Amino acid sequence: MTKYFIYARKSTDEPDRQILSIEAQIEELREFARRENLEVVKVFVESQTAKEPGRPILNQMLERIEKDEASGILAWHPDRLARNSVDGGRIIYLIDIGKIEKLKFPTFWFEDTPQGKFMLNIAFGQSKYYIDNLSENVKRGLRQKVRRGVFPGSAPTGYLNDKASHTIVPDLKKFRLVKKLFKLYSTGNYSLKDLTKIGLVSLNGKSLSVSNIQRLLSNPFYYGAFVFKGELYQGIHKSAITKKLFEECQRVMKDKSRPKKKSIRECPFRGLLKCGECGYAITADTKVKKSGRTYTYYHCTKKGTGPKCSQPYIREENLAEQISKLIQKVSLSSAWAKKMLNNLDKEKELNQQAELSFAQNLKLGIKECEDKLDKLLDAHLEGVISKEEYLPKKTKNPQPKD
C-alpha cells in the first residue's frame, strides 16, 4: 500500500484570501485520506512563500521520499507544492524516476501518465505565471503611486496609512510631537538622547531609541518629499515641518558629529602690521581680567638676532585709534570722488542687466532640464529604460543656453 506525506503551506504574503489556512488544509486532507483509504505517515507544515526555491520543509519531505520512506504526496493543490520552475521540475523528475508514485489533490486530478504529467506541468506553470503577473501588477501599482506623489510604503512615525483613500495622513496623537522634536533639535541645545523623552512611541508602545530619533530627523518625508529606490520625489502628503527647518536640523546633526574645536578669538590686525623698530611681525594675545572682560594686546614678536626690541604692548582699541588717524590723512578730491562714483553706478547698471539676462537664460535652461527629467523618469518607471541607463542620464549636467 502506498504511503503518503501530507504537505500544507500558506505564506504570510499570500494575497488570495480564498486559500484555506494551514489548519483547514490539514483537516480537509485528512478527511480526503479517510474517504480514499490512504495511509498518511507524516504531516509536513510550512509557512513560507513558494516564489523561490529552497523551502527547507519541502526539501526535507522530498529527501525522505528519495529514501523511500513514502511514495505519495497529498496536498490541497499543485500551487501548494511549487510556484517556481525549480521545485516543480524536481517533483516531476521524481515522478519520472518512480520515487513519487502518487500525487493526490482534492481540487485537482493527476495520474502518472504523459497526459497527467503534462497537466501537472501546466498547473505548475500557471502558478508561476500567477506569481510573476502579481509581482508585475504590484510594481506597476507602486510606480503609479510614485507618479501621484504617494509614498508606496508604511507611514513613518507621526503618520498613518489611510486604507480608505490609499494615502498617508497625519496621526493626530503624534504629529504635534514630531513638529516639537524637529524644533527642539534645531536649537542645538538638545541631544538625540534628550529627545527620546518627549513622548514619541513606536507601534509596539515603546519609546523611540536614539537610532530611531536619528532616522526620523533625517527623513525628508516630514518636509513633504520621500525616497523611493534611491531617488527623491515630491509627495502630496501634509508636511510636518518646512524644508528650511529640516535643513537646519541636518546642519546641527552634522556639527554635533564633528569633534569640538576650541574657539579662537579673531584678531583683525594680526599678520597685517610690522614693528617700526625692528621690522618683525606684530602678533596678538588675549587676556581675561578678573572682571571677566577680555582684552586683546598687540606686540612685536621680537625674533630678531640683533639688539632687543624695546617696543611695549598696546591694546587693540588704542591701536585701532592710531590706524584710524593715519587713514584720515588720505583722501580724494571731490571731483575724483564724483567721477569714480559715476563709473561705479554705470558698472552696477551693466552688471544688473547682465545678471537679469543670465537669470532668464538660467530659468529657461532649468525648465528644459526639468521637462527632460520628467520624461526620463516616466521612461524609467514604465520600464522602458533600466536603472543602469537611467542614473547616468539623470546625473548628466546639460549646460544652459547662452
Protein backbone atom coordinates (compact mmCIF):
# COMPACT_ATOMS: atom_id res chain seq x y z
CA MET A 1 0.00 0.00 0.00
CA THR A 2 1.30 3.47 -0.96
CA LYS A 3 2.40 5.63 1.97
CA TYR A 4 1.62 9.36 1.79
CA PHE A 5 3.08 12.54 3.16
CA ILE A 6 0.66 15.44 3.70
CA TYR A 7 2.10 18.83 2.73
CA ALA A 8 0.29 22.03 3.79
CA ARG A 9 1.54 25.53 3.08
CA LYS A 10 0.30 29.12 3.30
CA SER A 11 2.71 32.07 3.40
CA THR A 12 2.10 35.40 5.14
CA ASP A 13 2.34 37.27 1.79
CA GLU A 14 -0.38 35.09 0.18
CA PRO A 15 -2.77 37.59 -1.45
CA ASP A 16 -5.60 35.12 -2.13
CA ARG A 17 -7.87 35.01 0.92
CA GLN A 18 -9.81 32.08 -0.54
CA ILE A 19 -6.86 29.74 0.07
CA LEU A 20 -7.53 27.68 3.18
CA SER A 21 -5.48 28.21 6.31
CA ILE A 22 -2.93 25.54 7.20
CA GLU A 23 -5.23 24.05 9.86
CA ALA A 24 -8.13 23.91 7.39
CA GLN A 25 -5.92 22.33 4.71
CA ILE A 26 -4.76 19.60 7.09
CA GLU A 27 -8.33 18.87 8.22
CA GLU A 28 -9.58 18.67 4.62
CA LEU A 29 -6.64 16.47 3.55
CA ARG A 30 -7.11 14.06 6.48
CA GLU A 31 -10.80 13.77 5.63
CA PHE A 32 -9.88 13.17 1.95
CA ALA A 33 -7.39 10.46 3.03
CA ARG A 34 -10.09 8.73 5.10
CA ARG A 35 -12.52 8.75 2.17
CA GLU A 36 -9.91 7.43 -0.26
CA ASN A 37 -8.46 4.97 2.28
CA LEU A 38 -4.95 6.48 2.02
CA GLU A 39 -2.20 5.74 4.57
CA VAL A 40 -0.69 9.01 5.86
CA VAL A 41 2.63 8.55 7.68
CA LYS A 42 3.58 12.20 8.35
CA VAL A 43 2.30 15.76 8.00
CA PHE A 44 4.67 18.49 6.79
CA VAL A 45 3.67 22.10 7.50
CA GLU A 46 5.40 25.16 6.05
CA SER A 47 4.69 28.91 6.35
CA GLN A 48 6.85 30.27 3.55
CA THR A 49 6.36 31.64 0.06
CA ALA A 50 6.85 29.27 -2.88
CA LYS A 51 8.03 32.02 -5.26
CA GLU A 52 11.65 30.98 -4.83
CA PRO A 53 13.22 27.52 -4.45
CA GLY A 54 14.87 26.46 -1.22
CA ARG A 55 11.98 25.83 1.20
CA PRO A 56 13.53 23.71 3.97
CA ILE A 57 10.39 21.69 4.87
CA LEU A 58 9.61 20.82 1.24
CA ASN A 59 13.23 19.79 0.66
CA GLN A 60 13.15 17.65 3.81
CA MET A 61 9.98 15.90 2.59
CA LEU A 62 11.39 15.25 -0.90
CA GLU A 63 14.65 13.91 0.58
CA ARG A 64 12.68 11.42 2.69
CA ILE A 65 10.73 10.39 -0.43
CA GLU A 66 14.07 9.78 -2.18
CA LYS A 67 14.93 7.48 0.76
CA ASP A 68 11.69 5.52 0.06
CA GLU A 69 10.02 6.48 3.37
CA ALA A 70 6.91 7.31 1.32
CA SER A 71 5.98 7.37 -2.36
CA GLY A 72 2.93 9.62 -2.39
CA ILE A 73 2.15 13.26 -1.63
CA LEU A 74 -1.21 14.63 -0.56
CA ALA A 75 -1.70 18.42 -0.95
CA TRP A 76 -4.62 20.80 -1.39
CA HIS A 77 -3.49 21.98 -4.87
CA PRO A 78 -0.32 21.83 -7.01
CA ASP A 79 0.38 25.50 -6.23
CA ARG A 80 0.89 24.49 -2.58
CA LEU A 81 3.88 22.42 -3.75
CA ALA A 82 5.51 24.81 -6.22
CA ARG A 83 5.21 28.30 -7.66
CA ASN A 84 8.65 28.18 -9.27
CA SER A 85 10.18 26.09 -12.05
CA VAL A 86 12.94 24.52 -9.89
CA ASP A 87 10.65 22.88 -7.30
CA GLY A 88 8.09 21.95 -9.98
CA GLY A 89 10.79 20.36 -12.12
CA ARG A 90 12.18 18.41 -9.15
CA ILE A 91 8.77 16.93 -8.33
CA ILE A 92 8.14 15.89 -11.96
CA TYR A 93 11.64 14.35 -12.13
CA LEU A 94 10.91 12.26 -9.01
CA ILE A 95 7.73 11.07 -10.74
CA ASP A 96 9.74 10.17 -13.85
CA ILE A 97 12.21 8.02 -11.89
CA GLY A 98 9.45 6.37 -9.88
CA LYS A 99 10.25 7.86 -6.45
CA ILE A 100 6.86 9.59 -6.41
CA GLU A 101 4.17 7.12 -7.48
CA LYS A 102 1.07 9.06 -6.45
CA LEU A 103 0.08 12.71 -6.19
CA LYS A 104 -3.36 13.37 -4.70
CA PHE A 105 -5.24 16.68 -4.61
CA PRO A 106 -8.86 17.22 -3.51
CA THR A 107 -9.12 20.04 -6.08
CA PHE A 108 -7.01 18.65 -8.96
CA TRP A 109 -6.80 15.38 -10.87
CA PHE A 110 -3.43 13.68 -11.55
CA GLU A 111 -2.36 10.32 -12.94
CA ASP A 112 1.19 9.15 -13.74
CA THR A 113 0.68 9.26 -17.50
CA PRO A 114 2.11 11.56 -20.19
CA GLN A 115 -1.18 13.47 -20.18
CA GLY A 116 -1.22 13.64 -16.37
CA LYS A 117 2.35 14.97 -16.19
CA PHE A 118 1.54 17.44 -18.96
CA MET A 119 -1.45 18.76 -16.96
CA LEU A 120 0.71 18.90 -13.80
CA ASN A 121 3.30 20.91 -15.74
CA ILE A 122 0.57 23.30 -16.82
CA ALA A 123 -0.65 23.65 -13.21
CA PHE A 124 2.87 24.49 -12.01
CA GLY A 125 3.29 26.89 -14.95
CA GLN A 126 0.01 28.63 -14.14
CA SER A 127 1.10 29.01 -10.53
CA LYS A 128 4.37 30.61 -11.63
CA TYR A 129 2.57 32.84 -14.14
CA TYR A 130 0.16 33.96 -11.41
CA ILE A 131 3.00 34.90 -9.03
CA ASP A 132 5.02 36.64 -11.79
CA ASN A 133 1.98 38.56 -13.01
CA LEU A 134 1.09 39.52 -9.43
CA SER A 135 4.63 40.86 -8.95
CA GLU A 136 4.33 42.97 -12.12
CA ASN A 137 0.96 44.31 -11.01
CA VAL A 138 2.38 45.27 -7.62
CA LYS A 139 5.35 47.04 -9.24
CA ARG A 140 3.02 48.84 -11.64
CA GLY A 141 0.87 49.97 -8.72
CA LEU A 142 3.92 51.24 -6.84
CA ARG A 143 5.10 53.21 -9.88
CA GLN A 144 1.66 54.78 -10.26
CA LYS A 145 1.67 55.76 -6.60
CA VAL A 146 5.07 57.41 -7.01
CA ARG A 147 3.82 59.38 -10.02
CA ARG A 148 0.89 60.66 -7.96
CA GLY A 149 3.23 61.67 -5.14
CA VAL A 150 2.08 58.97 -2.70
CA PHE A 151 4.74 57.15 -0.70
CA PRO A 152 4.37 53.42 -1.55
CA GLY A 153 5.07 52.00 1.89
CA SER A 154 4.24 52.08 5.57
CA ALA A 155 3.71 55.53 7.04
CA PRO A 156 6.58 56.78 9.24
CA THR A 157 6.12 57.85 12.86
CA GLY A 158 3.63 60.71 13.05
CA TYR A 159 1.55 59.47 10.11
CA LEU A 160 -1.00 56.73 9.37
CA ASN A 161 -1.88 54.74 6.24
CA ASP A 162 -5.48 55.63 5.31
CA LYS A 163 -6.91 52.41 3.86
CA ALA A 164 -10.00 54.18 2.52
CA SER A 165 -8.17 56.73 0.35
CA HIS A 166 -4.91 54.74 -0.02
CA THR A 167 -2.96 57.79 1.10
CA ILE A 168 -0.87 58.76 4.13
CA VAL A 169 -2.43 61.13 6.65
CA PRO A 170 -1.16 62.74 9.90
CA ASP A 171 -1.53 60.80 13.14
CA LEU A 172 -3.27 63.33 15.37
CA LYS A 173 -1.65 61.91 18.52
CA LYS A 174 1.94 62.02 17.26
CA PHE A 175 2.00 64.72 14.54
CA ARG A 176 2.37 67.56 17.08
CA LEU A 177 5.19 65.74 18.90
CA VAL A 178 7.08 65.24 15.62
CA LYS A 179 6.95 69.00 14.96
CA LYS A 180 8.16 69.67 18.50
CA LEU A 181 11.02 67.21 18.09
CA PHE A 182 12.38 68.97 14.98
CA LYS A 183 12.04 72.44 16.56
CA LEU A 184 13.86 71.39 19.75
CA TYR A 185 16.71 69.72 17.89
CA SER A 186 17.19 72.69 15.54
CA THR A 187 18.15 74.86 18.54
CA GLY A 188 21.26 72.73 19.09
CA ASN A 189 20.54 72.58 22.82
CA TYR A 190 19.20 69.02 22.86
CA SER A 191 20.94 65.71 22.18
CA LEU A 192 19.32 62.74 20.45
CA LYS A 193 19.10 61.04 23.85
CA ASP A 194 17.22 64.04 25.28
CA LEU A 195 14.62 63.77 22.51
CA THR A 196 13.80 60.12 23.37
CA LYS A 197 11.97 61.51 26.43
CA ILE A 198 9.47 63.81 24.68
CA GLY A 199 6.79 61.09 24.44
CA LEU A 200 7.04 59.67 20.91
CA VAL A 201 6.50 55.89 20.88
CA SER A 202 6.74 53.17 18.24
CA LEU A 203 3.90 50.89 17.09
CA ASN A 204 4.60 48.49 19.98
CA GLY A 205 4.24 51.31 22.52
CA LYS A 206 7.94 51.61 23.40
CA SER A 207 9.81 54.92 23.45
CA LEU A 208 11.85 55.60 20.32
CA SER A 209 15.55 54.75 20.62
CA VAL A 210 18.39 57.14 19.78
CA SER A 211 18.83 55.48 16.37
CA ASN A 212 15.07 55.79 15.71
CA ILE A 213 15.21 59.52 16.53
CA GLN A 214 18.22 60.00 14.24
CA ARG A 215 16.45 58.24 11.33
CA LEU A 216 13.32 60.31 11.95
CA LEU A 217 15.27 63.58 11.88
CA SER A 218 16.98 62.51 8.63
CA ASN A 219 13.77 61.52 6.83
CA PRO A 220 12.75 64.03 4.10
CA PHE A 221 9.18 62.71 4.35
CA TYR A 222 8.49 65.23 7.13
CA TYR A 223 9.02 68.26 4.85
CA GLY A 224 6.91 66.79 2.04
CA ALA A 225 9.25 64.56 0.00
CA PHE A 226 10.09 60.85 0.08
CA VAL A 227 12.79 58.46 -1.14
CA PHE A 228 11.89 55.54 -3.41
CA LYS A 229 14.57 53.25 -4.90
CA GLY A 230 17.28 55.74 -4.00
CA GLU A 231 15.53 58.69 -5.71
CA LEU A 232 13.89 61.72 -4.05
CA TYR A 233 10.29 62.52 -5.08
CA GLN A 234 7.84 65.27 -4.13
CA GLY A 235 4.90 63.93 -2.11
CA ILE A 236 1.30 65.09 -1.80
CA HIS A 237 1.02 64.28 1.92
CA LYS A 238 0.78 67.04 4.52
CA SER A 239 4.23 68.12 5.64
CA ALA A 240 5.01 68.40 9.35
CA ILE A 241 7.81 70.97 9.00
CA THR A 242 9.37 73.31 6.46
CA LYS A 243 12.35 72.30 4.34
CA LYS A 244 14.31 75.14 5.97
CA LEU A 245 13.77 73.63 9.44
CA PHE A 246 14.75 70.18 8.13
CA GLU A 247 17.99 71.53 6.66
CA GLU A 248 18.76 73.33 9.91
CA CYS A 249 18.39 70.02 11.79
CA GLN A 250 20.77 68.35 9.31
CA ARG A 251 23.29 71.14 9.91
CA VAL A 252 23.00 70.70 13.69
CA MET A 253 23.41 66.92 13.34
CA LYS A 254 26.49 67.39 11.17
CA ASP A 255 28.02 69.89 13.61
CA LYS A 256 27.36 67.61 16.57
CA SER A 257 29.08 64.73 14.80
CA ARG A 258 32.31 66.73 14.42
CA PRO A 259 34.91 66.90 17.20
CA LYS A 260 34.63 70.19 19.08
CA LYS A 261 37.35 72.72 18.44
CA LYS A 262 38.49 75.38 20.84
CA SER A 263 37.18 78.74 19.69
CA ILE A 264 39.84 81.27 18.69
CA ARG A 265 39.25 84.98 19.18
CA GLU A 266 39.53 86.97 15.96
CA CYS A 267 42.40 89.49 15.92
CA PRO A 268 41.88 91.75 12.87
CA PHE A 269 45.38 93.33 12.89
CA ARG A 270 47.40 90.15 13.40
CA GLY A 271 49.65 89.46 10.40
CA LEU A 272 48.87 92.88 8.94
CA LEU A 273 51.49 95.08 10.64
CA LYS A 274 55.25 95.05 11.23
CA CYS A 275 57.24 96.56 14.08
CA GLY A 276 58.54 100.06 13.29
CA GLU A 277 61.69 99.50 15.33
CA CYS A 278 62.99 96.09 14.26
CA GLY A 279 60.76 95.27 11.26
CA TYR A 280 59.47 91.95 12.58
CA ALA A 281 55.81 90.88 12.57
CA ILE A 282 53.22 92.13 15.06
CA THR A 283 51.26 89.37 16.84
CA ALA A 284 48.40 89.41 19.36
CA ASP A 285 47.45 87.84 22.71
CA THR A 286 44.10 87.80 24.53
CA LYS A 287 43.82 88.05 28.31
CA VAL A 288 40.80 87.68 30.59
CA LYS A 289 40.74 90.06 33.55
CA LYS A 290 39.27 89.34 36.98
CA SER A 291 36.19 91.32 35.99
CA GLY A 292 35.52 88.75 33.28
CA ARG A 293 36.23 91.12 30.39
CA THR A 294 38.55 90.00 27.59
CA TYR A 295 41.21 92.32 26.13
CA THR A 296 43.48 91.89 23.11
CA TYR A 297 47.07 93.15 23.18
CA TYR A 298 49.41 93.55 20.17
CA HIS A 299 53.19 93.35 20.42
CA CYS A 300 56.34 92.68 18.41
CA THR A 301 57.36 89.04 18.07
CA LYS A 302 60.96 90.17 18.93
CA LYS A 303 62.54 87.33 16.95
CA GLY A 304 65.42 89.37 15.64
CA THR A 305 69.04 88.36 16.38
CA GLY A 306 70.21 91.99 16.81
CA PRO A 307 69.56 94.37 19.71
CA LYS A 308 66.44 93.53 21.70
CA CYS A 309 63.32 95.42 20.52
CA SER A 310 62.09 97.90 23.11
CA GLN A 311 58.51 98.35 21.85
CA PRO A 312 55.87 97.65 24.55
CA TYR A 313 52.39 96.07 24.33
CA ILE A 314 49.44 98.10 23.02
CA ARG A 315 45.74 97.40 23.48
CA GLU A 316 43.63 96.71 20.38
CA GLU A 317 41.38 99.77 20.78
CA ASN A 318 44.40 102.09 21.10
CA LEU A 319 45.99 100.54 18.01
CA ALA A 320 42.71 100.90 16.11
CA GLU A 321 42.59 104.60 17.02
CA GLN A 322 46.13 105.17 15.70
CA ILE A 323 45.34 103.38 12.42
CA SER A 324 42.12 105.41 12.04
CA LYS A 325 44.06 108.71 12.37
CA LEU A 326 46.51 107.60 9.67
CA ILE A 327 43.73 106.65 7.29
CA GLN A 328 42.02 110.02 7.72
CA LYS A 329 45.08 111.76 6.24
CA VAL A 330 44.48 110.01 2.91
CA SER A 331 41.54 111.44 0.89
CA LEU A 332 40.42 112.03 -2.69
CA SER A 333 39.32 115.32 -4.23
CA SER A 334 35.56 115.75 -4.63
CA ALA A 335 35.88 115.75 -8.46
CA TRP A 336 37.72 112.43 -8.49
CA ALA A 337 35.27 111.01 -5.96
CA LYS A 338 32.26 112.05 -8.09
CA LYS A 339 33.82 110.61 -11.26
CA MET A 340 34.57 107.27 -9.59
CA LEU A 341 31.04 107.06 -8.10
CA ASN A 342 29.53 107.69 -11.54
CA ASN A 343 31.68 104.93 -13.01
CA LEU A 344 30.59 102.60 -10.25
CA ASP A 345 26.91 103.40 -10.91
CA LYS A 346 27.33 102.62 -14.63
CA GLU A 347 29.16 99.40 -13.85
CA LYS A 348 26.42 98.44 -11.40
CA GLU A 349 23.71 99.04 -14.02
CA LEU A 350 25.56 96.95 -16.62
CA ASN A 351 26.03 94.15 -14.08
CA GLN A 352 22.32 94.19 -13.21
CA GLN A 353 21.36 93.89 -16.89
CA ALA A 354 23.83 91.06 -17.41
CA GLU A 355 22.59 89.26 -14.28
CA LEU A 356 18.95 89.66 -15.38
CA SER A 357 19.72 88.20 -18.80
CA PHE A 358 21.71 85.36 -17.23
CA ALA A 359 18.89 84.60 -14.78
CA GLN A 360 16.31 84.43 -17.58
CA ASN A 361 18.50 82.07 -19.61
CA LEU A 362 19.12 80.00 -16.49
CA LYS A 363 15.37 79.69 -15.80
CA LEU A 364 14.77 78.54 -19.39
CA GLY A 365 17.60 76.03 -19.03
CA ILE A 366 16.20 74.73 -15.72
CA LYS A 367 12.71 74.36 -17.22
CA GLU A 368 14.16 72.44 -20.15
CA CYS A 369 16.12 70.16 -17.79
CA GLU A 370 13.02 69.55 -15.63
CA ASP A 371 10.97 68.57 -18.70
CA LYS A 372 13.70 66.17 -19.81
CA LEU A 373 13.99 64.69 -16.30
CA ASP A 374 10.19 64.18 -16.15
CA LYS A 375 10.26 62.32 -19.47
CA LEU A 376 13.30 60.31 -18.33
CA LEU A 377 11.61 59.42 -15.03
CA ASP A 378 8.43 58.30 -16.80
CA ALA A 379 10.53 56.09 -19.09
CA HIS A 380 12.29 54.57 -16.06
CA LEU A 381 9.05 53.98 -14.11
CA GLU A 382 7.41 52.42 -17.17
CA GLY A 383 10.36 50.05 -17.53
CA VAL A 384 11.35 51.42 -20.94
CA ILE A 385 14.90 52.03 -19.67
CA SER A 386 16.74 50.24 -16.87
CA LYS A 387 18.13 51.79 -13.71
CA GLU A 388 21.66 51.41 -15.12
CA GLU A 389 20.63 53.52 -18.14
CA TYR A 390 18.54 55.96 -16.10
CA LEU A 391 21.07 57.04 -13.45
CA PRO A 392 23.90 58.19 -15.80
CA LYS A 393 21.44 60.19 -17.90
CA LYS A 394 19.88 61.74 -14.80
CA THR A 395 23.22 62.84 -13.34
CA LYS A 396 24.45 64.30 -16.64
CA ASN A 397 24.63 68.11 -16.34
CA PRO A 398 23.49 69.89 -19.52
CA GLN A 399 24.74 73.48 -19.84
CA PRO A 400 22.07 76.22 -20.03
CA LYS A 401 21.84 78.10 -23.30
CA ASP A 402 23.54 81.47 -23.53
